[in-house]
C-alpha atoms as a PDB file:
ATOM      1  CA  UNK A   1     -25.899 -65.798  49.411  1.00  0.00           C
ATOM      2  CA  UNK A   2     -27.254 -68.160  52.310  1.00  0.00           C
ATOM      3  CA  UNK A   3     -29.312 -65.772  54.501  1.00  0.00           C
ATOM      4  CA  UNK A   4     -30.719 -64.102  51.641  1.00  0.00           C
ATOM      5  CA  UNK A   5     -32.142 -68.229  50.945  1.00  0.00           C
ATOM      6  CA  UNK A   6     -32.858 -68.373  54.876  1.00  0.00           C
ATOM      7  CA  UNK A   7     -34.866 -65.006  54.586  1.00  0.00           C
ATOM      8  CA  UNK A   8     -36.656 -66.931  52.207  1.00  0.00           C
ATOM      9  CA  UNK A   9     -38.135 -70.066  54.012  1.00  0.00           C
ATOM     10  CA  UNK A  10     -38.561 -68.395  56.768  1.00  0.00           C
ATOM     11  CA  UNK A  11     -40.787 -65.847  55.552  1.00  0.00           C
ATOM     12  CA  UNK A  12     -42.520 -68.824  53.242  1.00  0.00           C
ATOM     13  CA  UNK A  13     -44.085 -70.184  56.557  1.00  0.00           C
ATOM     14  CA  UNK A  14     -44.775 -66.772  57.784  1.00  0.00           C
ATOM     15  CA  UNK A  15     -46.490 -65.800  54.757  1.00  0.00           C
ATOM     16  CA  UNK A  16     -48.507 -69.254  55.280  1.00  0.00           C
ATOM     17  CA  UNK A  17     -49.360 -68.379  58.782  1.00  0.00           C
ATOM     18  CA  UNK A  18     -51.156 -65.284  57.766  1.00  0.00           C
ATOM     19  CA  UNK A  19     -52.648 -65.441  54.846  1.00  0.00           C
ATOM     20  CA  UNK A  20     -55.832 -66.168  56.567  1.00  0.00           C
ATOM     21  CA  UNK A  21     -55.134 -63.380  58.627  1.00  0.00           C
ATOM     22  CA  UNK A  22     -54.540 -61.248  56.518  1.00  0.00           C
ATOM     23  CA  UNK A  23     -57.873 -61.419  53.932  1.00  0.00           C
ATOM     24  CA  UNK A  24     -60.550 -62.185  56.958  1.00  0.00           C
ATOM     25  CA  UNK A  25     -59.104 -57.865  57.606  1.00  0.00           C
ATOM     26  CA  UNK A  26     -58.471 -57.099  54.163  1.00  0.00           C
ATOM     27  CA  UNK A  27     -62.326 -57.614  53.711  1.00  0.00           C
ATOM     28  CA  UNK A  28     -62.594 -54.451  55.055  1.00  0.00           C
ATOM     29  CA  UNK A  29     -61.552 -53.073  51.853  1.00  0.00           C
ATOM     30  CA  UNK A  30     -64.854 -54.399  50.196  1.00  0.00           C
ATOM     31  CA  UNK A  31     -66.661 -51.841  52.834  1.00  0.00           C
ATOM     32  CA  UNK A  32     -66.099 -48.508  50.658  1.00  0.00           C
ATOM     33  CA  UNK A  33     -65.835 -45.936  53.449  1.00  0.00           C
ATOM     34  CA  UNK A  34     -63.073 -47.903  55.505  1.00  0.00           C
ATOM     35  CA  UNK A  35     -61.196 -47.951  52.184  1.00  0.00           C
ATOM     36  CA  UNK A  36     -61.873 -44.971  51.711  1.00  0.00           C
ATOM     37  CA  UNK A  37     -60.478 -44.169  54.779  1.00  0.00           C
ATOM     38  CA  UNK A  38     -57.280 -46.505  54.953  1.00  0.00           C
ATOM     39  CA  UNK A  39     -56.690 -44.984  51.990  1.00  0.00           C
ATOM     40  CA  UNK A  40     -56.935 -41.591  53.260  1.00  0.00           C
ATOM     41  CA  UNK A  41     -54.743 -42.801  56.688  1.00  0.00           C
ATOM     42  CA  UNK A  42     -52.309 -44.232  53.922  1.00  0.00           C
ATOM     43  CA  UNK A  43     -51.738 -41.949  52.106  1.00  0.00           C
ATOM     44  CA  UNK A  44     -50.774 -39.033  54.842  1.00  0.00           C
ATOM     45  CA  UNK A  45     -48.755 -41.996  56.116  1.00  0.00           C
ATOM     46  CA  UNK A  46     -47.021 -42.100  52.630  1.00  0.00           C
ATOM     47  CA  UNK A  47     -45.113 -38.390  55.027  1.00  0.00           C
ATOM     48  CA  UNK A  48     -47.587 -35.860  54.542  1.00  0.00           C
ATOM     49  CA  UNK A  49     -48.895 -36.544  57.838  1.00  0.00           C
ATOM     50  CA  UNK A  50     -45.751 -36.290  59.526  1.00  0.00           C
ATOM     51  CA  UNK A  51     -44.184 -33.166  57.621  1.00  0.00           C
ATOM     52  CA  UNK A  52     -46.895 -31.006  59.152  1.00  0.00           C
ATOM     53  CA  UNK A  53     -46.328 -32.329  62.590  1.00  0.00           C
ATOM     54  CA  UNK A  54     -42.682 -32.175  62.182  1.00  0.00           C
ATOM     55  CA  UNK A  55     -43.108 -28.617  60.477  1.00  0.00           C
ATOM     56  CA  UNK A  56     -45.630 -27.195  63.546  1.00  0.00           C
ATOM     57  CA  UNK A  57     -43.991 -28.259  66.430  1.00  0.00           C
ATOM     58  CA  UNK A  58     -41.209 -24.876  66.694  1.00  0.00           C
ATOM     59  CA  UNK A  59     -44.899 -23.010  66.555  1.00  0.00           C
ATOM     60  CA  UNK A  60     -45.936 -25.278  69.481  1.00  0.00           C
ATOM     61  CA  UNK A  61     -42.912 -24.945  71.475  1.00  0.00           C
ATOM     62  CA  UNK A  62     -41.088 -22.114  70.527  1.00  0.00           C
ATOM     63  CA  UNK A  63     -38.375 -22.511  72.549  1.00  0.00           C
ATOM     64  CA  UNK A  64     -37.752 -26.208  72.420  1.00  0.00           C
ATOM     65  CA  UNK A  65     -39.710 -27.590  68.985  1.00  0.00           C
ATOM     66  CA  UNK A  66     -36.745 -26.165  66.740  1.00  0.00           C
ATOM     67  CA  UNK A  67     -34.133 -28.821  68.720  1.00  0.00           C
ATOM     68  CA  UNK A  68     -37.080 -31.352  68.306  1.00  0.00           C
ATOM     69  CA  UNK A  69     -38.271 -30.756  64.864  1.00  0.00           C
ATOM     70  CA  UNK A  70     -34.641 -31.542  63.678  1.00  0.00           C
ATOM     71  CA  UNK A  71     -33.560 -34.127  65.636  1.00  0.00           C
ATOM     72  CA  UNK A  72     -37.779 -35.490  64.552  1.00  0.00           C
ATOM     73  CA  UNK A  73     -36.149 -35.087  60.369  1.00  0.00           C
ATOM     74  CA  UNK A  74     -33.374 -36.496  60.876  1.00  0.00           C
ATOM     75  CA  UNK A  75     -34.111 -39.687  62.540  1.00  0.00           C
ATOM     76  CA  UNK A  76     -36.614 -39.815  60.339  1.00  0.00           C
ATOM     77  CA  UNK A  77     -34.523 -39.889  57.387  1.00  0.00           C
ATOM     78  CA  UNK A  78     -33.018 -42.801  59.970  1.00  0.00           C
ATOM     79  CA  UNK A  79     -35.559 -44.706  59.261  1.00  0.00           C
ATOM     80  CA  UNK A  80     -35.738 -44.610  55.797  1.00  0.00           C
ATOM     81  CA  UNK A  81     -32.192 -45.514  55.495  1.00  0.00           C
ATOM     82  CA  UNK A  82     -33.354 -48.458  57.403  1.00  0.00           C
ATOM     83  CA  UNK A  83     -36.490 -49.867  56.287  1.00  0.00           C
ATOM     84  CA  UNK A  84     -34.931 -49.354  52.129  1.00  0.00           C
ATOM     85  CA  UNK A  85     -31.659 -51.307  53.698  1.00  0.00           C
ATOM     86  CA  UNK A  86     -33.484 -54.463  55.069  1.00  0.00           C
ATOM     87  CA  UNK A  87     -36.401 -54.223  51.985  1.00  0.00           C
ATOM     88  CA  UNK A  88     -33.809 -54.658  49.732  1.00  0.00           C
ATOM     89  CA  UNK A  89     -31.723 -57.193  52.226  1.00  0.00           C
ATOM     90  CA  UNK A  90     -34.590 -59.786  52.953  1.00  0.00           C
ATOM     91  CA  UNK A  91     -37.639 -59.529  50.050  1.00  0.00           C
ATOM     92  CA  UNK A  92     -40.133 -60.631  51.644  1.00  0.00           C
ATOM     93  CA  UNK A  93     -43.358 -60.277  48.656  1.00  0.00           C
ATOM     94  CA  UNK A  94     -46.129 -57.798  49.589  1.00  0.00           C
ATOM     95  CA  UNK A  95     -49.188 -59.805  50.617  1.00  0.00           C
ATOM     96  CA  UNK A  96     -51.824 -59.210  47.919  1.00  0.00           C
ATOM     97  CA  UNK A  97     -48.744 -60.231  45.116  1.00  0.00           C
ATOM     98  CA  UNK A  98     -48.430 -63.592  46.933  1.00  0.00           C
ATOM     99  CA  UNK A  99     -51.794 -64.386  47.783  1.00  0.00           C
ATOM    100  CA  UNK A 100     -53.670 -62.848  44.377  1.00  0.00           C
ATOM    101  CA  UNK A 101     -57.267 -63.441  46.426  1.00  0.00           C
ATOM    102  CA  UNK A 102     -55.745 -60.321  49.161  1.00  0.00           C
ATOM    103  CA  UNK A 103     -57.143 -56.996  47.566  1.00  0.00           C
ATOM    104  CA  UNK A 104     -54.321 -54.357  46.499  1.00  0.00           C
ATOM    105  CA  UNK A 105     -56.237 -51.366  48.341  1.00  0.00           C
ATOM    106  CA  UNK A 106     -53.726 -48.524  46.855  1.00  0.00           C
ATOM    107  CA  UNK A 107     -50.809 -48.657  44.607  1.00  0.00           C
ATOM    108  CA  UNK A 108     -47.739 -50.070  47.294  1.00  0.00           C
ATOM    109  CA  UNK A 109     -45.054 -47.442  46.976  1.00  0.00           C
ATOM    110  CA  UNK A 110     -41.878 -49.704  46.481  1.00  0.00           C
ATOM    111  CA  UNK A 111     -42.448 -53.595  46.334  1.00  0.00           C
ATOM    112  CA  UNK A 112     -41.013 -54.881  49.336  1.00  0.00           C
ATOM    113  CA  UNK A 113     -42.879 -56.045  52.178  1.00  0.00           C
ATOM    114  CA  UNK A 114     -40.623 -55.963  55.446  1.00  0.00           C
ATOM    115  CA  UNK A 115     -40.296 -54.566  57.526  1.00  0.00           C
ATOM    116  CA  UNK A 116     -43.709 -51.456  57.023  1.00  0.00           C
ATOM    117  CA  UNK A 117     -41.558 -48.544  56.727  1.00  0.00           C
ATOM    118  CA  UNK A 118     -44.774 -46.660  57.188  1.00  0.00           C
ATOM    119  CA  UNK A 119     -45.210 -48.194  60.476  1.00  0.00           C
ATOM    120  CA  UNK A 120     -42.043 -47.915  61.601  1.00  0.00           C
ATOM    121  CA  UNK A 121     -42.341 -43.610  60.818  1.00  0.00           C
ATOM    122  CA  UNK A 122     -45.154 -43.493  63.023  1.00  0.00           C
ATOM    123  CA  UNK A 123     -44.025 -45.330  65.548  1.00  0.00           C
ATOM    124  CA  UNK A 124     -40.814 -44.192  65.782  1.00  0.00           C
ATOM    125  CA  UNK A 125     -42.772 -40.402  65.371  1.00  0.00           C
ATOM    126  CA  UNK A 126     -45.122 -41.507  68.570  1.00  0.00           C
ATOM    127  CA  UNK A 127     -42.685 -42.195  71.319  1.00  0.00           C
ATOM    128  CA  UNK A 128     -40.312 -39.970  70.052  1.00  0.00           C
ATOM    129  CA  UNK A 129     -43.588 -37.218  71.054  1.00  0.00           C
ATOM    130  CA  UNK A 130     -44.524 -39.162  73.812  1.00  0.00           C
ATOM    131  CA  UNK A 131     -41.297 -38.561  75.567  1.00  0.00           C
ATOM    132  CA  UNK A 132     -40.532 -34.878  74.390  1.00  0.00           C
ATOM    133  CA  UNK A 133     -44.784 -33.470  74.587  1.00  0.00           C
ATOM    134  CA  UNK A 134     -46.597 -36.664  75.992  1.00  0.00           C
ATOM    135  CA  UNK A 135     -50.546 -34.357  75.703  1.00  0.00           C
ATOM    136  CA  UNK A 136     -49.635 -33.875  71.629  1.00  0.00           C
ATOM    137  CA  UNK A 137     -48.535 -37.956  71.823  1.00  0.00           C
ATOM    138  CA  UNK A 138     -52.122 -38.588  73.114  1.00  0.00           C
ATOM    139  CA  UNK A 139     -53.578 -36.563  70.039  1.00  0.00           C
ATOM    140  CA  UNK A 140     -51.720 -37.910  67.729  1.00  0.00           C
ATOM    141  CA  UNK A 141     -51.756 -41.831  68.901  1.00  0.00           C
ATOM    142  CA  UNK A 142     -55.383 -42.431  66.771  1.00  0.00           C
ATOM    143  CA  UNK A 143     -53.098 -41.484  63.277  1.00  0.00           C
ATOM    144  CA  UNK A 144     -50.515 -43.948  64.380  1.00  0.00           C
ATOM    145  CA  UNK A 145     -52.582 -46.807  65.335  1.00  0.00           C
ATOM    146  CA  UNK A 146     -54.386 -46.387  61.564  1.00  0.00           C
ATOM    147  CA  UNK A 147     -51.758 -45.579  59.723  1.00  0.00           C
ATOM    148  CA  UNK A 148     -50.509 -49.304  61.108  1.00  0.00           C
ATOM    149  CA  UNK A 149     -54.043 -51.198  61.106  1.00  0.00           C
ATOM    150  CA  UNK A 150     -54.220 -49.603  57.522  1.00  0.00           C
ATOM    151  CA  UNK A 151     -51.393 -51.214  56.312  1.00  0.00           C
ATOM    152  CA  UNK A 152     -52.525 -54.889  56.630  1.00  0.00           C
ATOM    153  CA  UNK A 153     -56.097 -53.551  55.404  1.00  0.00           C
ATOM    154  CA  UNK A 154     -55.384 -52.430  51.863  1.00  0.00           C
ATOM    155  CA  UNK A 155     -53.404 -55.505  51.441  1.00  0.00           C
ATOM    156  CA  UNK A 156     -49.853 -54.147  51.559  1.00  0.00           C
ATOM    157  CA  UNK A 157     -48.376 -56.520  54.501  1.00  0.00           C
ATOM    158  CA  UNK A 158     -48.867 -58.747  56.629  1.00  0.00           C
ATOM    159  CA  UNK A 159     -49.575 -58.131  60.396  1.00  0.00           C
ATOM    160  CA  UNK A 160     -45.069 -58.961  61.005  1.00  0.00           C
ATOM    161  CA  UNK A 161     -44.014 -56.614  58.816  1.00  0.00           C
ATOM    162  CA  UNK A 162     -46.099 -54.747  60.824  1.00  0.00           C
ATOM    163  CA  UNK A 163     -44.978 -55.726  64.498  1.00  0.00           C
ATOM    164  CA  UNK A 164     -41.144 -55.553  63.225  1.00  0.00           C
ATOM    165  CA  UNK A 165     -41.865 -51.671  61.704  1.00  0.00           C
ATOM    166  CA  UNK A 166     -43.366 -50.693  64.650  1.00  0.00           C
ATOM    167  CA  UNK A 167     -40.258 -52.699  66.992  1.00  0.00           C
ATOM    168  CA  UNK A 168     -37.510 -51.145  65.138  1.00  0.00           C
ATOM    169  CA  UNK A 169     -39.474 -47.567  64.989  1.00  0.00           C
ATOM    170  CA  UNK A 170     -39.633 -47.634  67.931  1.00  0.00           C
ATOM    171  CA  UNK A 171     -36.034 -48.247  69.619  1.00  0.00           C
ATOM    172  CA  UNK A 172     -35.207 -45.786  66.852  1.00  0.00           C
ATOM    173  CA  UNK A 173     -37.437 -42.852  67.850  1.00  0.00           C
ATOM    174  CA  UNK A 174     -36.205 -43.350  71.796  1.00  0.00           C
ATOM    175  CA  UNK A 175     -32.799 -44.140  71.130  1.00  0.00           C
ATOM    176  CA  UNK A 176     -33.023 -41.215  69.362  1.00  0.00           C
ATOM    177  CA  UNK A 177     -34.630 -39.313  72.350  1.00  0.00           C
ATOM    178  CA  UNK A 178     -32.439 -40.556  74.818  1.00  0.00           C
ATOM    179  CA  UNK A 179     -29.300 -39.717  73.775  1.00  0.00           C
ATOM    180  CA  UNK A 180     -30.116 -36.756  71.222  1.00  0.00           C
ATOM    181  CA  UNK A 181     -32.999 -34.835  72.195  1.00  0.00           C
ATOM    182  CA  UNK A 182     -31.529 -32.745  74.789  1.00  0.00           C
ATOM    183  CA  UNK A 183     -27.932 -31.757  72.743  1.00  0.00           C
ATOM    184  CA  UNK A 184     -30.501 -30.914  70.286  1.00  0.00           C
ATOM    185  CA  UNK A 185     -32.570 -28.778  72.696  1.00  0.00           C
ATOM    186  CA  UNK A 186     -29.797 -27.349  73.776  1.00  0.00           C
ATOM    187  CA  UNK A 187     -28.304 -25.902  70.777  1.00  0.00           C
ATOM    188  CA  UNK A 188     -31.079 -24.070  70.087  1.00  0.00           C
ATOM    189  CA  UNK A 189     -32.144 -22.962  73.362  1.00  0.00           C
ATOM    190  CA  UNK A 190     -28.859 -22.630  74.919  1.00  0.00           C
ATOM    191  CA  UNK A 191     -29.936 -24.578  77.687  1.00  0.00           C
ATOM    192  CA  UNK A 192     -31.987 -27.406  78.615  1.00  0.00           C
END
């Protein structure tokens, strides 16, 4: 597996460059209110916040909302498949596993670190909302940013995991909106 060994070498170097920053951000875990906040955000970022948002969109926009909600659901499933594939293929250990000085603020949902699935979904949905409903996107933005920050604060991801998740998710969300949004709206309303 030459690609796995190349990825392993790359991640070993990246881990060494990012560990000091991870440790300094992770110190927020020792401040109890911050730990509680980021644990809550992380838990809601497991999907609960996004499920509630997707279910509310048809109520907020009876005409175009059902199509957007369906597109967000299908794109979210694509995001899940993508990040699970990448994690299994690239195999980067989480910071708290590689560096015991980094505290794990909450149990991870899976073993590997790259890319951040929470951030991937958050960025995807944030971009989709930005295109479809900018006012709602502005309201959701603080949560999206908190999800991304929580991954490093809780010792679950390196900043590069979060950046990669944001890039991949943002591109997936933008692509879905550019290629499919109008078709999904048409399917439910008969007009664009």
